[in-house]
């Protein structure tokens, strides 16, 4: 529940801008700039989300996802998300702050590798939870190419 609420909160802090970088890359500076009207990339959503989760006692990490053409694409070959450690389930779960999306296979939250496997298997019970209305079909279609390399 805490992870869901934090994902939703982070998503509401600014609108995405894939080309804008903060003056300083720390979460508090990013939030200050966002309050002043700036918009940022997926990288900043992931860093702020990971820091916010850590601040409320949920271990979190930032994960870089890359498309197969990462070395040749002019832009847009990567996406950055957070993963949160769910102590009660003993597992990491992917949390996409830019989209306010958390993937599930049935009732089991997924990490990035498990999401990749579920998409490859065309798992019928794959779904996304989002307080802002991100649809499963739209997010998984958009996300699938980014699950080629993990950083």
C-alpha atoms as a PDB file:
ATOM      1  CA  UNK A   1       0.000   0.000   0.000  1.00  0.00           C
ATOM      2  CA  UNK A   2       2.827   2.376   0.887  1.00  0.00           C
ATOM      3  CA  UNK A   3       4.513   1.682  -2.471  1.00  0.00           C
ATOM      4  CA  UNK A   4       1.278   2.350  -4.377  1.00  0.00           C
ATOM      5  CA  UNK A   5       0.681   5.631  -2.583  1.00  0.00           C
ATOM      6  CA  UNK A   6       4.254   6.792  -3.076  1.00  0.00           C
ATOM      7  CA  UNK A   7       4.173   5.946  -6.796  1.00  0.00           C
ATOM      8  CA  UNK A   8       1.002   7.979  -7.192  1.00  0.00           C
ATOM      9  CA  UNK A   9       2.443  10.897  -5.207  1.00  0.00           C
ATOM     10  CA  UNK A  10       5.641  11.016  -7.270  1.00  0.00           C
ATOM     11  CA  UNK A  11       3.720  10.871 -10.551  1.00  0.00           C
ATOM     12  CA  UNK A  12       1.707  13.954  -9.554  1.00  0.00           C
ATOM     13  CA  UNK A  13       4.775  16.136  -8.833  1.00  0.00           C
ATOM     14  CA  UNK A  14       5.443  17.135 -12.475  1.00  0.00           C
ATOM     15  CA  UNK A  15       4.677  16.269 -16.074  1.00  0.00           C
ATOM     16  CA  UNK A  16       7.202  14.288 -18.078  1.00  0.00           C
ATOM     17  CA  UNK A  17       9.753  16.026 -20.319  1.00  0.00           C
ATOM     18  CA  UNK A  18      12.196  13.582 -21.860  1.00  0.00           C
ATOM     19  CA  UNK A  19      14.854  16.187 -22.579  1.00  0.00           C
ATOM     20  CA  UNK A  20      14.982  18.303 -19.425  1.00  0.00           C
ATOM     21  CA  UNK A  21      17.538  17.659 -16.691  1.00  0.00           C
ATOM     22  CA  UNK A  22      17.582  19.163 -13.200  1.00  0.00           C
ATOM     23  CA  UNK A  23      20.267  21.602 -12.137  1.00  0.00           C
ATOM     24  CA  UNK A  24      21.244  19.151  -9.376  1.00  0.00           C
ATOM     25  CA  UNK A  25      20.429  15.436  -9.507  1.00  0.00           C
ATOM     26  CA  UNK A  26      19.386  14.954  -5.886  1.00  0.00           C
ATOM     27  CA  UNK A  27      15.734  14.206  -5.068  1.00  0.00           C
ATOM     28  CA  UNK A  28      15.094  17.283  -2.909  1.00  0.00           C
ATOM     29  CA  UNK A  29      16.515  19.612  -5.570  1.00  0.00           C
ATOM     30  CA  UNK A  30      14.423  17.876  -8.224  1.00  0.00           C
ATOM     31  CA  UNK A  31      11.273  18.359  -6.149  1.00  0.00           C
ATOM     32  CA  UNK A  32      12.111  22.030  -5.555  1.00  0.00           C
ATOM     33  CA  UNK A  33      12.523  22.604  -9.288  1.00  0.00           C
ATOM     34  CA  UNK A  34       9.306  20.703  -9.984  1.00  0.00           C
ATOM     35  CA  UNK A  35       7.446  22.972  -7.547  1.00  0.00           C
ATOM     36  CA  UNK A  36       8.813  25.897  -9.576  1.00  0.00           C
ATOM     37  CA  UNK A  37       7.222  24.424 -12.704  1.00  0.00           C
ATOM     38  CA  UNK A  38      10.007  22.403 -14.270  1.00  0.00           C
ATOM     39  CA  UNK A  39       9.373  19.041 -15.907  1.00  0.00           C
ATOM     40  CA  UNK A  40      11.759  16.103 -15.945  1.00  0.00           C
ATOM     41  CA  UNK A  41      12.637  12.717 -17.411  1.00  0.00           C
ATOM     42  CA  UNK A  42      11.918   9.182 -16.261  1.00  0.00           C
ATOM     43  CA  UNK A  43      15.328   9.239 -14.545  1.00  0.00           C
ATOM     44  CA  UNK A  44      14.146  11.874 -12.101  1.00  0.00           C
ATOM     45  CA  UNK A  45      10.863  10.062 -11.402  1.00  0.00           C
ATOM     46  CA  UNK A  46      12.871   6.936 -10.541  1.00  0.00           C
ATOM     47  CA  UNK A  47      15.369   8.743  -8.299  1.00  0.00           C
ATOM     48  CA  UNK A  48      12.706  10.693  -6.414  1.00  0.00           C
ATOM     49  CA  UNK A  49      10.557   7.582  -6.030  1.00  0.00           C
ATOM     50  CA  UNK A  50      13.451   5.442  -4.765  1.00  0.00           C
ATOM     51  CA  UNK A  51      14.439   8.144  -2.263  1.00  0.00           C
ATOM     52  CA  UNK A  52      10.854   8.671  -1.090  1.00  0.00           C
ATOM     53  CA  UNK A  53      10.342   4.938  -0.604  1.00  0.00           C
ATOM     54  CA  UNK A  54      13.605   4.678   1.330  1.00  0.00           C
ATOM     55  CA  UNK A  55      12.523   7.620   3.491  1.00  0.00           C
ATOM     56  CA  UNK A  56       9.385   5.760   4.573  1.00  0.00           C
ATOM     57  CA  UNK A  57      11.282   2.547   5.298  1.00  0.00           C
ATOM     58  CA  UNK A  58      10.870   0.664   2.020  1.00  0.00           C
ATOM     59  CA  UNK A  59      14.235  -0.364   0.544  1.00  0.00           C
ATOM     60  CA  UNK A  60      14.396   0.779  -3.073  1.00  0.00           C
ATOM     61  CA  UNK A  61      16.765   0.895  -6.011  1.00  0.00           C
ATOM     62  CA  UNK A  62      16.907   2.520  -9.437  1.00  0.00           C
ATOM     63  CA  UNK A  63      16.908   0.236 -12.488  1.00  0.00           C
ATOM     64  CA  UNK A  64      17.843   1.263 -16.017  1.00  0.00           C
ATOM     65  CA  UNK A  65      16.018  -0.504 -18.836  1.00  0.00           C
ATOM     66  CA  UNK A  66      17.329  -0.378 -22.390  1.00  0.00           C
ATOM     67  CA  UNK A  67      16.085  -1.309 -25.837  1.00  0.00           C
ATOM     68  CA  UNK A  68      18.070  -3.605 -28.145  1.00  0.00           C
ATOM     69  CA  UNK A  69      19.136  -0.580 -30.221  1.00  0.00           C
ATOM     70  CA  UNK A  70      20.565   1.343 -27.255  1.00  0.00           C
ATOM     71  CA  UNK A  71      23.965   1.712 -28.941  1.00  0.00           C
ATOM     72  CA  UNK A  72      22.626   3.085 -32.229  1.00  0.00           C
ATOM     73  CA  UNK A  73      19.411   4.956 -31.374  1.00  0.00           C
ATOM     74  CA  UNK A  74      19.635   8.740 -31.518  1.00  0.00           C
ATOM     75  CA  UNK A  75      17.399   9.043 -28.451  1.00  0.00           C
ATOM     76  CA  UNK A  76      14.754   7.275 -26.423  1.00  0.00           C
ATOM     77  CA  UNK A  77      16.576   3.952 -26.119  1.00  0.00           C
ATOM     78  CA  UNK A  78      16.242   3.752 -22.348  1.00  0.00           C
ATOM     79  CA  UNK A  79      13.742   4.051 -19.550  1.00  0.00           C
ATOM     80  CA  UNK A  80      14.445   4.266 -15.810  1.00  0.00           C
ATOM     81  CA  UNK A  81      12.233   2.869 -13.054  1.00  0.00           C
ATOM     82  CA  UNK A  82      12.470   2.058  -9.380  1.00  0.00           C
ATOM     83  CA  UNK A  83      12.170  -1.300  -7.702  1.00  0.00           C
ATOM     84  CA  UNK A  84      10.945  -1.593  -4.127  1.00  0.00           C
ATOM     85  CA  UNK A  85      11.722  -4.477  -1.765  1.00  0.00           C
ATOM     86  CA  UNK A  86       8.513  -5.895  -0.320  1.00  0.00           C
ATOM     87  CA  UNK A  87       9.560  -7.487   2.959  1.00  0.00           C
ATOM     88  CA  UNK A  88       6.265  -9.321   3.429  1.00  0.00           C
ATOM     89  CA  UNK A  89       6.665 -11.029   0.045  1.00  0.00           C
ATOM     90  CA  UNK A  90      10.448 -11.314  -0.005  1.00  0.00           C
ATOM     91  CA  UNK A  91      10.672  -9.851  -3.475  1.00  0.00           C
ATOM     92  CA  UNK A  92      11.487  -6.768  -5.515  1.00  0.00           C
ATOM     93  CA  UNK A  93       8.651  -5.078  -7.386  1.00  0.00           C
ATOM     94  CA  UNK A  94       9.001  -2.722 -10.347  1.00  0.00           C
ATOM     95  CA  UNK A  95       7.449   0.702  -9.787  1.00  0.00           C
ATOM     96  CA  UNK A  96       7.299   3.082 -12.736  1.00  0.00           C
ATOM     97  CA  UNK A  97       6.974   6.576 -11.289  1.00  0.00           C
ATOM     98  CA  UNK A  98       6.620   8.254 -14.674  1.00  0.00           C
ATOM     99  CA  UNK A  99       3.525   6.169 -15.474  1.00  0.00           C
ATOM    100  CA  UNK A 100       2.419   5.434 -11.882  1.00  0.00           C
ATOM    101  CA  UNK A 101       2.402   1.768 -12.855  1.00  0.00           C
ATOM    102  CA  UNK A 102       3.077  -1.417 -10.894  1.00  0.00           C
ATOM    103  CA  UNK A 103       2.891  -4.697 -12.844  1.00  0.00           C
ATOM    104  CA  UNK A 104       1.235  -7.820 -11.437  1.00  0.00           C
ATOM    105  CA  UNK A 105       0.828 -11.376 -12.623  1.00  0.00           C
ATOM    106  CA  UNK A 106      -2.478 -12.212 -11.000  1.00  0.00           C
ATOM    107  CA  UNK A 107      -1.948 -11.001  -7.436  1.00  0.00           C
ATOM    108  CA  UNK A 108       1.859 -11.238  -7.509  1.00  0.00           C
ATOM    109  CA  UNK A 109       3.783  -7.983  -8.066  1.00  0.00           C
ATOM    110  CA  UNK A 110       6.599  -8.294 -10.590  1.00  0.00           C
ATOM    111  CA  UNK A 111      10.187  -7.111 -10.794  1.00  0.00           C
ATOM    112  CA  UNK A 112      11.680  -6.116 -14.162  1.00  0.00           C
ATOM    113  CA  UNK A 113      12.931  -9.616 -15.042  1.00  0.00           C
ATOM    114  CA  UNK A 114       9.608 -11.253 -14.135  1.00  0.00           C
ATOM    115  CA  UNK A 115       7.777  -8.603 -16.183  1.00  0.00           C
ATOM    116  CA  UNK A 116       9.987  -9.426 -19.170  1.00  0.00           C
ATOM    117  CA  UNK A 117       9.121 -13.130 -18.782  1.00  0.00           C
ATOM    118  CA  UNK A 118       5.388 -12.438 -18.400  1.00  0.00           C
ATOM    119  CA  UNK A 119       5.364 -10.297 -21.547  1.00  0.00           C
ATOM    120  CA  UNK A 120       7.315 -12.922 -23.511  1.00  0.00           C
ATOM    121  CA  UNK A 121       4.845 -15.607 -22.389  1.00  0.00           C
ATOM    122  CA  UNK A 122       1.868 -13.341 -23.170  1.00  0.00           C
ATOM    123  CA  UNK A 123       0.600 -14.123 -19.698  1.00  0.00           C
ATOM    124  CA  UNK A 124      -3.171 -13.569 -19.651  1.00  0.00           C
ATOM    125  CA  UNK A 125      -3.235 -12.452 -16.007  1.00  0.00           C
ATOM    126  CA  UNK A 126      -0.637  -9.691 -16.488  1.00  0.00           C
ATOM    127  CA  UNK A 127      -2.074  -6.411 -15.270  1.00  0.00           C
ATOM    128  CA  UNK A 128      -0.969  -2.993 -14.100  1.00  0.00           C
ATOM    129  CA  UNK A 129      -2.145  -1.149 -11.016  1.00  0.00           C
ATOM    130  CA  UNK A 130      -2.204   2.618 -11.290  1.00  0.00           C
ATOM    131  CA  UNK A 131      -4.029   5.269  -9.280  1.00  0.00           C
ATOM    132  CA  UNK A 132      -3.798   7.635 -12.264  1.00  0.00           C
ATOM    133  CA  UNK A 133      -5.475   5.280 -14.722  1.00  0.00           C
ATOM    134  CA  UNK A 134      -2.535   3.960 -16.732  1.00  0.00           C
ATOM    135  CA  UNK A 135      -3.947   1.061 -18.734  1.00  0.00           C
ATOM    136  CA  UNK A 136      -2.277  -2.340 -18.808  1.00  0.00           C
ATOM    137  CA  UNK A 137      -2.386  -2.551 -22.601  1.00  0.00           C
ATOM    138  CA  UNK A 138      -0.886   0.883 -23.190  1.00  0.00           C
ATOM    139  CA  UNK A 139       1.858   0.587 -20.573  1.00  0.00           C
ATOM    140  CA  UNK A 140       2.950  -2.948 -21.477  1.00  0.00           C
ATOM    141  CA  UNK A 141       3.013  -2.099 -25.201  1.00  0.00           C
ATOM    142  CA  UNK A 142       5.163   0.943 -24.435  1.00  0.00           C
ATOM    143  CA  UNK A 143       7.368  -0.845 -21.881  1.00  0.00           C
ATOM    144  CA  UNK A 144       8.088  -4.111 -23.754  1.00  0.00           C
ATOM    145  CA  UNK A 145      10.945  -2.801 -25.964  1.00  0.00           C
ATOM    146  CA  UNK A 146      12.782  -1.433 -22.901  1.00  0.00           C
ATOM    147  CA  UNK A 147      13.112  -4.866 -21.322  1.00  0.00           C
ATOM    148  CA  UNK A 148      16.040  -5.978 -23.481  1.00  0.00           C
ATOM    149  CA  UNK A 149      18.981  -4.888 -21.258  1.00  0.00           C
ATOM    150  CA  UNK A 150      18.938  -4.172 -17.526  1.00  0.00           C
ATOM    151  CA  UNK A 151      21.345  -1.786 -15.794  1.00  0.00           C
END
